[in-house]
Amino acid sequence: MGTPISLDLADDLPAPRLAELADLVFDWLREVDRRFSTYRSDSEVCRFDRRDVPFAAASADLRRVLADCADLWTATDGFFDVYATGRLDPSGYVKGWAAQVASDRLLAEGAPNHCLNAGGDVRVRGTSSTGRPWRIGIRHPFDATATCWVLTGTDLAVATSGVYERGHHVVDPRRGVPAYGLRSVTVVGPDLGVADAYATAAVAMGAAGPGWLAGLAGYHHAVVTDDGRAVHSPYLPQVVDRAQ
């Protein structure tokens, strides 16, 4: 889907095993791209949207994604809507979900220390190769060379939805127009797919987004508004001293 992806495997394993694990991750993500990309007319999600593929013939993964997105539509009061643009587009969930699945598979394969970054949606587990918790920088939405926050942890899913690269592309599904008010929303929690969807929903809510995020159980947030104000939840796993 045009998303740069990086993988840091921090376990002390033989090089052939590390290469095998990396192949496992990237083969899965390429498969997701083939099936879920909205930029490929032959992808399963595009063929499903055109009704070339009936629901009964859809893959188990597509049915699972559609079911999860329906649950998220309910959980976000309709602001996470895969039909907000008029066509089926589950990308606001799929990228985080795919990276979460890849991380889960690495854990099951005996690689508990890793960092997977899928275009700014990050899943970390365990520790880095230094033996310390992972540090995740959240890009400043007005300055690509700076960070707003640096998070630290050993088991974090960090998803960011913003308008600083593609403009105000997130649609408010209630009004059918691009949402304004929030320039960047980061959501931190246990599941990257859910965090990704929550971040997208909050952007779609505009000024009401931070208040809604504050009521979520098990998820924390950091927000930068269109007018440059920065707020975050009190329990955000933040590194205050960026020079550490």
C-alpha atoms as a PDB file:
ATOM      1  CA  MET A   1       0.000   0.000   0.000  1.00  0.00           C
ATOM      2  CA  GLY A   2       2.999   2.267  -0.493  1.00  0.00           C
ATOM      3  CA  THR A   3       3.941   2.070   3.176  1.00  0.00           C
ATOM      4  CA  PRO A   4       7.599   1.748   4.249  1.00  0.00           C
ATOM      5  CA  ILE A   5       8.058  -1.059   6.766  1.00  0.00           C
ATOM      6  CA  SER A   6      11.033  -1.767   9.014  1.00  0.00           C
ATOM      7  CA  LEU A   7      11.712  -4.683  11.335  1.00  0.00           C
ATOM      8  CA  ASP A   8      14.237  -4.861  14.178  1.00  0.00           C
ATOM      9  CA  LEU A   9      14.761  -8.379  15.530  1.00  0.00           C
ATOM     10  CA  ALA A  10      16.628  -8.035  18.814  1.00  0.00           C
ATOM     11  CA  ASP A  11      16.906 -11.680  19.863  1.00  0.00           C
ATOM     12  CA  ASP A  12      20.340 -13.332  19.857  1.00  0.00           C
ATOM     13  CA  LEU A  13      19.532 -15.945  17.234  1.00  0.00           C
ATOM     14  CA  PRO A  14      21.582 -17.408  14.375  1.00  0.00           C
ATOM     15  CA  ALA A  15      21.577 -15.298  11.221  1.00  0.00           C
ATOM     16  CA  PRO A  16      19.692 -17.916   9.142  1.00  0.00           C
ATOM     17  CA  ARG A  17      16.940 -18.020  11.768  1.00  0.00           C
ATOM     18  CA  LEU A  18      16.678 -14.233  11.843  1.00  0.00           C
ATOM     19  CA  ALA A  19      16.400 -14.201   8.047  1.00  0.00           C
ATOM     20  CA  GLU A  20      13.681 -16.842   8.239  1.00  0.00           C
ATOM     21  CA  LEU A  21      11.746 -14.771  10.768  1.00  0.00           C
ATOM     22  CA  ALA A  22      12.091 -11.643   8.644  1.00  0.00           C
ATOM     23  CA  ASP A  23      10.800 -13.544   5.621  1.00  0.00           C
ATOM     24  CA  LEU A  24       7.822 -14.730   7.666  1.00  0.00           C
ATOM     25  CA  VAL A  25       6.920 -11.122   8.478  1.00  0.00           C
ATOM     26  CA  PHE A  26       7.428  -9.610   5.042  1.00  0.00           C
ATOM     27  CA  ASP A  27       5.762 -12.509   3.198  1.00  0.00           C
ATOM     28  CA  TRP A  28       2.684 -11.975   5.374  1.00  0.00           C
ATOM     29  CA  LEU A  29       2.657  -8.215   4.792  1.00  0.00           C
ATOM     30  CA  ARG A  30       3.010  -8.703   1.026  1.00  0.00           C
ATOM     31  CA  GLU A  31       0.066 -11.093   1.177  1.00  0.00           C
ATOM     32  CA  VAL A  32      -1.964  -8.461   3.032  1.00  0.00           C
ATOM     33  CA  ASP A  33      -1.060  -5.926   0.350  1.00  0.00           C
ATOM     34  CA  ARG A  34      -2.199  -8.259  -2.406  1.00  0.00           C
ATOM     35  CA  ARG A  35      -5.527  -8.905  -0.715  1.00  0.00           C
ATOM     36  CA  PHE A  36      -6.356  -5.616   1.021  1.00  0.00           C
ATOM     37  CA  SER A  37      -4.769  -2.829  -1.006  1.00  0.00           C
ATOM     38  CA  THR A  38      -7.321  -0.291  -2.248  1.00  0.00           C
ATOM     39  CA  TYR A  39      -4.775   0.739  -4.909  1.00  0.00           C
ATOM     40  CA  ARG A  40      -4.845  -2.635  -6.675  1.00  0.00           C
ATOM     41  CA  SER A  41      -7.938  -3.321  -8.742  1.00  0.00           C
ATOM     42  CA  ASP A  42      -7.303  -7.071  -8.482  1.00  0.00           C
ATOM     43  CA  SER A  43      -7.080  -7.128  -4.663  1.00  0.00           C
ATOM     44  CA  GLU A  44      -9.685  -9.125  -2.798  1.00  0.00           C
ATOM     45  CA  VAL A  45     -11.026  -6.048  -1.027  1.00  0.00           C
ATOM     46  CA  CYS A  46     -11.531  -4.188  -4.332  1.00  0.00           C
ATOM     47  CA  ARG A  47     -13.149  -7.204  -5.959  1.00  0.00           C
ATOM     48  CA  PHE A  48     -15.399  -7.585  -2.915  1.00  0.00           C
ATOM     49  CA  ASP A  49     -16.336  -3.908  -3.127  1.00  0.00           C
ATOM     50  CA  ARG A  50     -17.295  -4.391  -6.796  1.00  0.00           C
ATOM     51  CA  ARG A  51     -19.313  -7.455  -5.740  1.00  0.00           C
ATOM     52  CA  ASP A  52     -17.126  -9.706  -7.854  1.00  0.00           C
ATOM     53  CA  VAL A  53     -16.510 -11.727  -4.696  1.00  0.00           C
ATOM     54  CA  PRO A  54     -19.587 -12.664  -2.625  1.00  0.00           C
ATOM     55  CA  PHE A  55     -19.263 -12.659   1.159  1.00  0.00           C
ATOM     56  CA  ALA A  56     -19.573 -16.451   1.304  1.00  0.00           C
ATOM     57  CA  ALA A  57     -16.546 -16.769  -0.997  1.00  0.00           C
ATOM     58  CA  ALA A  58     -14.398 -14.190   0.829  1.00  0.00           C
ATOM     59  CA  SER A  59     -11.281 -15.320   2.655  1.00  0.00           C
ATOM     60  CA  ALA A  60     -11.391 -15.905   6.391  1.00  0.00           C
ATOM     61  CA  ASP A  61      -9.112 -12.890   6.877  1.00  0.00           C
ATOM     62  CA  LEU A  62     -11.419 -10.565   4.937  1.00  0.00           C
ATOM     63  CA  ARG A  63     -14.461 -11.789   6.850  1.00  0.00           C
ATOM     64  CA  ARG A  64     -12.567 -11.280  10.114  1.00  0.00           C
ATOM     65  CA  VAL A  65     -11.511  -7.750   9.141  1.00  0.00           C
ATOM     66  CA  LEU A  66     -15.045  -6.810   8.114  1.00  0.00           C
ATOM     67  CA  ALA A  67     -16.415  -8.158  11.397  1.00  0.00           C
ATOM     68  CA  ASP A  68     -13.794  -6.263  13.404  1.00  0.00           C
ATOM     69  CA  CYS A  69     -14.531  -3.068  11.489  1.00  0.00           C
ATOM     70  CA  ALA A  70     -18.243  -3.469  12.194  1.00  0.00           C
ATOM     71  CA  ASP A  71     -17.451  -3.773  15.922  1.00  0.00           C
ATOM     72  CA  LEU A  72     -15.250  -0.688  15.707  1.00  0.00           C
ATOM     73  CA  TRP A  73     -18.026   1.251  13.956  1.00  0.00           C
ATOM     74  CA  THR A  74     -20.179   0.558  17.007  1.00  0.00           C
ATOM     75  CA  ALA A  75     -17.398   1.318  19.493  1.00  0.00           C
ATOM     76  CA  THR A  76     -16.655   4.691  17.866  1.00  0.00           C
ATOM     77  CA  ASP A  77     -20.290   5.765  17.483  1.00  0.00           C
ATOM     78  CA  GLY A  78     -19.953   5.443  13.727  1.00  0.00           C
ATOM     79  CA  PHE A  79     -16.850   7.607  13.315  1.00  0.00           C
ATOM     80  CA  PHE A  80     -14.733   4.666  12.195  1.00  0.00           C
ATOM     81  CA  ASP A  81     -16.595   3.894   8.996  1.00  0.00           C
ATOM     82  CA  VAL A  82     -14.989   1.838   6.240  1.00  0.00           C
ATOM     83  CA  TYR A  83     -17.505   3.322   3.778  1.00  0.00           C
ATOM     84  CA  ALA A  84     -16.883   6.954   4.783  1.00  0.00           C
ATOM     85  CA  THR A  85     -15.448   7.767   1.343  1.00  0.00           C
ATOM     86  CA  GLY A  86     -18.266   6.022  -0.517  1.00  0.00           C
ATOM     87  CA  ARG A  87     -16.331   2.836  -1.202  1.00  0.00           C
ATOM     88  CA  LEU A  88     -15.021   0.039   0.972  1.00  0.00           C
ATOM     89  CA  ASP A  89     -11.704   1.101   2.513  1.00  0.00           C
ATOM     90  CA  PRO A  90     -10.665  -0.745   5.704  1.00  0.00           C
ATOM     91  CA  SER A  91      -7.110   0.657   5.520  1.00  0.00           C
ATOM     92  CA  GLY A  92      -7.554   2.527   8.810  1.00  0.00           C
ATOM     93  CA  TYR A  93      -7.654  -0.863  10.525  1.00  0.00           C
ATOM     94  CA  VAL A  94      -5.835  -3.222   8.175  1.00  0.00           C
ATOM     95  CA  LYS A  95      -2.331  -1.763   8.469  1.00  0.00           C
ATOM     96  CA  GLY A  96      -2.321  -1.949  12.257  1.00  0.00           C
ATOM     97  CA  TRP A  97      -4.054  -5.332  12.244  1.00  0.00           C
ATOM     98  CA  ALA A  98      -1.517  -6.801   9.802  1.00  0.00           C
ATOM     99  CA  ALA A  99       1.434  -5.563  11.863  1.00  0.00           C
ATOM    100  CA  GLN A 100      -0.181  -6.879  15.052  1.00  0.00           C
ATOM    101  CA  VAL A 101      -0.627 -10.322  13.468  1.00  0.00           C
ATOM    102  CA  ALA A 102       3.007 -10.278  12.324  1.00  0.00           C
ATOM    103  CA  SER A 103       4.172  -9.397  15.843  1.00  0.00           C
ATOM    104  CA  ASP A 104       2.003 -12.147  17.334  1.00  0.00           C
ATOM    105  CA  ARG A 105       3.549 -14.643  14.928  1.00  0.00           C
ATOM    106  CA  LEU A 106       7.067 -13.558  15.843  1.00  0.00           C
ATOM    107  CA  LEU A 107       6.227 -14.087  19.500  1.00  0.00           C
ATOM    108  CA  ALA A 108       4.860 -17.565  18.761  1.00  0.00           C
ATOM    109  CA  GLU A 109       8.015 -18.363  16.752  1.00  0.00           C
ATOM    110  CA  GLY A 110      10.288 -17.625  19.714  1.00  0.00           C
ATOM    111  CA  ALA A 111      11.272 -14.033  18.901  1.00  0.00           C
ATOM    112  CA  PRO A 112       9.861 -12.061  21.851  1.00  0.00           C
ATOM    113  CA  ASN A 113      12.127  -9.013  21.387  1.00  0.00           C
ATOM    114  CA  HIS A 114      11.291  -7.018  18.295  1.00  0.00           C
ATOM    115  CA  CYS A 115      10.095  -3.726  16.847  1.00  0.00           C
ATOM    116  CA  LEU A 116       7.913  -3.617  13.742  1.00  0.00           C
ATOM    117  CA  ASN A 117       7.226  -0.206  12.213  1.00  0.00           C
ATOM    118  CA  ALA A 118       4.594  -0.102   9.471  1.00  0.00           C
ATOM    119  CA  GLY A 119       4.511   3.462   8.236  1.00  0.00           C
ATOM    120  CA  GLY A 120       4.467   4.954  11.714  1.00  0.00           C
ATOM    121  CA  ASP A 121       2.248   2.297  13.282  1.00  0.00           C
ATOM    122  CA  VAL A 122       4.637   0.568  15.663  1.00  0.00           C
ATOM    123  CA  ARG A 123       4.463  -2.689  17.629  1.00  0.00           C
ATOM    124  CA  VAL A 124       7.245  -3.342  20.128  1.00  0.00           C
ATOM    125  CA  ARG A 125       7.787  -6.286  22.426  1.00  0.00           C
ATOM    126  CA  GLY A 126      10.505  -7.141  24.916  1.00  0.00           C
ATOM    127  CA  THR A 127      13.664  -5.069  24.784  1.00  0.00           C
ATOM    128  CA  SER A 128      16.007  -3.678  22.155  1.00  0.00           C
ATOM    129  CA  SER A 129      19.415  -5.202  21.414  1.00  0.00           C
ATOM    130  CA  THR A 130      20.837  -2.992  24.198  1.00  0.00           C
ATOM    131  CA  GLY A 131      18.632  -4.759  26.729  1.00  0.00           C
ATOM    132  CA  ARG A 132      16.692  -1.563  27.369  1.00  0.00           C
ATOM    133  CA  PRO A 133      13.024  -0.820  26.663  1.00  0.00           C
ATOM    134  CA  TRP A 134      12.197   0.381  23.169  1.00  0.00           C
ATOM    135  CA  ARG A 135      11.938   4.111  22.462  1.00  0.00           C
ATOM    136  CA  ILE A 136       9.380   5.297  19.932  1.00  0.00           C
ATOM    137  CA  GLY A 137       9.475   8.857  18.652  1.00  0.00           C
ATOM    138  CA  ILE A 138       6.200  10.520  17.684  1.00  0.00           C
ATOM    139  CA  ARG A 139       6.763  12.841  14.742  1.00  0.00           C
ATOM    140  CA  HIS A 140       6.012  16.518  15.165  1.00  0.00           C
ATOM    141  CA  PRO A 141       3.201  17.216  12.674  1.00  0.00           C
ATOM    142  CA  PHE A 142       4.511  20.691  11.854  1.00  0.00           C
ATOM    143  CA  ASP A 143       8.220  19.773  11.642  1.00  0.00           C
ATOM    144  CA  ALA A 144       9.313  16.506  10.016  1.00  0.00           C
ATOM    145  CA  THR A 145      12.741  16.786  11.667  1.00  0.00           C
ATOM    146  CA  ALA A 146      11.386  16.904  15.240  1.00  0.00           C
ATOM    147  CA  THR A 147       9.414  14.781  17.674  1.00  0.00           C
ATOM    148  CA  CYS A 148       6.562  15.779  19.961  1.00  0.00           C
ATOM    149  CA  TRP A 149       7.001  12.898  22.383  1.00  0.00           C
ATOM    150  CA  VAL A 150       9.239   9.897  22.862  1.00  0.00           C
ATOM    151  CA  LEU A 151       7.526   6.842  24.306  1.00  0.00           C
ATOM    152  CA  THR A 152       9.255   3.987  26.076  1.00  0.00           C
ATOM    153  CA  GLY A 153       8.084   0.469  26.818  1.00  0.00           C
ATOM    154  CA  THR A 154       8.468  -3.275  26.411  1.00  0.00           C
ATOM    155  CA  ASP A 155       4.987  -4.155  25.150  1.00  0.00           C
ATOM    156  CA  LEU A 156       3.341  -1.311  23.264  1.00  0.00           C
ATOM    157  CA  ALA A 157       1.179  -0.796  20.196  1.00  0.00           C
ATOM    158  CA  VAL A 158       1.530   2.793  18.958  1.00  0.00           C
ATOM    159  CA  ALA A 159      -0.653   4.030  16.079  1.00  0.00           C
ATOM    160  CA  THR A 160      -0.673   7.534  14.622  1.00  0.00           C
ATOM    161  CA  SER A 161      -3.205   9.067  12.264  1.00  0.00           C
ATOM    162  CA  GLY A 162      -2.474  12.511  10.902  1.00  0.00           C
ATOM    163  CA  VAL A 163      -3.086  14.963   8.096  1.00  0.00           C
ATOM    164  CA  TYR A 164       0.409  16.402   7.805  1.00  0.00           C
ATOM    165  CA  GLU A 165       1.412  14.306   4.772  1.00  0.00           C
ATOM    166  CA  ARG A 166      -1.786  13.717   2.800  1.00  0.00           C
ATOM    167  CA  GLY A 167      -3.774  16.749   3.892  1.00  0.00           C
ATOM    168  CA  HIS A 168      -7.208  16.484   5.492  1.00  0.00           C
ATOM    169  CA  HIS A 169      -7.978  13.112   3.924  1.00  0.00           C
ATOM    170  CA  VAL A 170      -9.911  11.595   6.858  1.00  0.00           C
ATOM    171  CA  VAL A 171     -13.642  12.005   6.236  1.00  0.00           C
ATOM    172  CA  ASP A 172     -16.193  12.863   8.895  1.00  0.00           C
ATOM    173  CA  PRO A 173     -18.736  10.151   8.018  1.00  0.00           C
ATOM    174  CA  ARG A 174     -21.647  12.086   9.503  1.00  0.00           C
ATOM    175  CA  ARG A 175     -21.164  15.095   7.240  1.00  0.00           C
ATOM    176  CA  GLY A 176     -19.364  13.426   4.348  1.00  0.00           C
ATOM    177  CA  VAL A 177     -16.605  16.045   4.276  1.00  0.00           C
ATOM    178  CA  PRO A 178     -12.943  16.097   5.370  1.00  0.00           C
ATOM    179  CA  ALA A 179     -12.526  16.408   9.135  1.00  0.00           C
ATOM    180  CA  TYR A 180     -10.716  19.408  10.616  1.00  0.00           C
ATOM    181  CA  GLY A 181      -9.476  20.215  14.106  1.00  0.00           C
ATOM    182  CA  LEU A 182      -6.799  17.593  14.786  1.00  0.00           C
ATOM    183  CA  ARG A 183      -3.499  17.476  12.943  1.00  0.00           C
ATOM    184  CA  SER A 184      -2.112  14.343  14.595  1.00  0.00           C
ATOM    185  CA  VAL A 185      -3.555  11.666  16.890  1.00  0.00           C
ATOM    186  CA  THR A 186      -1.474   8.919  18.487  1.00  0.00           C
ATOM    187  CA  VAL A 187      -3.121   6.065  20.372  1.00  0.00           C
ATOM    188  CA  VAL A 188      -1.167   3.640  22.574  1.00  0.00           C
ATOM    189  CA  GLY A 189      -2.486   0.335  23.848  1.00  0.00           C
ATOM    190  CA  PRO A 190      -2.282  -3.464  23.650  1.00  0.00           C
ATOM    191  CA  ASP A 191      -3.594  -4.018  20.092  1.00  0.00           C
ATOM    192  CA  LEU A 192      -2.256  -2.153  17.065  1.00  0.00           C
ATOM    193  CA  GLY A 193      -5.275  -2.688  14.825  1.00  0.00           C
ATOM    194  CA  VAL A 194      -7.644  -1.277  17.440  1.00  0.00           C
ATOM    195  CA  ALA A 195      -5.262   1.598  18.216  1.00  0.00           C
ATOM    196  CA  ASP A 196      -5.054   2.402  14.497  1.00  0.00           C
ATOM    197  CA  ALA A 197      -8.845   2.497  14.160  1.00  0.00           C
ATOM    198  CA  TYR A 198      -9.253   4.596  17.312  1.00  0.00           C
ATOM    199  CA  ALA A 199      -6.721   7.136  16.023  1.00  0.00           C
ATOM    200  CA  THR A 200      -8.543   7.381  12.685  1.00  0.00           C
ATOM    201  CA  ALA A 201     -11.903   7.756  14.418  1.00  0.00           C
ATOM    202  CA  ALA A 202     -10.596  10.530  16.653  1.00  0.00           C
ATOM    203  CA  VAL A 203      -9.314  12.490  13.651  1.00  0.00           C
ATOM    204  CA  ALA A 204     -12.748  12.081  12.044  1.00  0.00           C
ATOM    205  CA  MET A 205     -14.370  13.501  15.203  1.00  0.00           C
ATOM    206  CA  GLY A 206     -12.339  16.691  15.016  1.00  0.00           C
ATOM    207  CA  ALA A 207     -12.391  18.819  18.157  1.00  0.00           C
ATOM    208  CA  ALA A 208     -14.467  16.201  20.015  1.00  0.00           C
ATOM    209  CA  GLY A 209     -11.768  13.554  19.492  1.00  0.00           C
ATOM    210  CA  PRO A 210      -9.608  14.153  22.596  1.00  0.00           C
ATOM    211  CA  GLY A 211     -12.615  14.002  24.903  1.00  0.00           C
ATOM    212  CA  TRP A 212     -13.713  10.717  23.382  1.00  0.00           C
ATOM    213  CA  LEU A 213     -10.199   9.286  23.609  1.00  0.00           C
ATOM    214  CA  ALA A 214     -10.041  10.185  27.303  1.00  0.00           C
ATOM    215  CA  GLY A 215     -12.892   7.767  28.002  1.00  0.00           C
ATOM    216  CA  LEU A 216     -11.250   4.713  26.431  1.00  0.00           C
ATOM    217  CA  ALA A 217     -10.262   1.900  28.786  1.00  0.00           C
ATOM    218  CA  GLY A 218      -6.764   0.489  28.309  1.00  0.00           C
ATOM    219  CA  TYR A 219      -5.685   2.996  25.663  1.00  0.00           C
ATOM    220  CA  HIS A 220      -3.791   6.279  26.015  1.00  0.00           C
ATOM    221  CA  HIS A 221      -3.431   9.143  23.570  1.00  0.00           C
ATOM    222  CA  ALA A 222      -1.384  12.130  22.432  1.00  0.00           C
ATOM    223  CA  VAL A 223      -2.944  14.791  20.216  1.00  0.00           C
ATOM    224  CA  VAL A 224      -1.768  17.855  18.311  1.00  0.00           C
ATOM    225  CA  THR A 225      -4.524  20.174  17.106  1.00  0.00           C
ATOM    226  CA  ASP A 226      -4.641  22.110  13.847  1.00  0.00           C
ATOM    227  CA  ASP A 227      -3.775  25.279  15.771  1.00  0.00           C
ATOM    228  CA  GLY A 228      -0.708  23.702  17.391  1.00  0.00           C
ATOM    229  CA  ARG A 229      -1.923  22.762  20.872  1.00  0.00           C
ATOM    230  CA  ALA A 230      -0.521  19.486  22.251  1.00  0.00           C
ATOM    231  CA  VAL A 231      -2.305  17.359  24.854  1.00  0.00           C
ATOM    232  CA  HIS A 232      -1.872  13.820  26.099  1.00  0.00           C
ATOM    233  CA  SER A 233      -3.420  11.435  28.589  1.00  0.00           C
ATOM    234  CA  PRO A 234      -1.806  11.354  32.054  1.00  0.00           C
ATOM    235  CA  TYR A 235      -0.553   7.775  31.829  1.00  0.00           C
ATOM    236  CA  LEU A 236       1.095   8.010  28.432  1.00  0.00           C
ATOM    237  CA  PRO A 237       4.398   6.055  28.681  1.00  0.00           C
ATOM    238  CA  GLN A 238       6.471   9.125  27.895  1.00  0.00           C
ATOM    239  CA  VAL A 239      10.199   9.802  28.123  1.00  0.00           C
ATOM    240  CA  VAL A 240      10.489  13.353  29.444  1.00  0.00           C
ATOM    241  CA  ASP A 241      14.249  13.682  28.934  1.00  0.00           C
ATOM    242  CA  ARG A 242      14.718  13.262  25.172  1.00  0.00           C
ATOM    243  CA  ALA A 243      18.501  13.414  25.592  1.00  0.00           C
ATOM    244  CA  GLN A 244      18.642  10.071  27.411  1.00  0.00           C
END
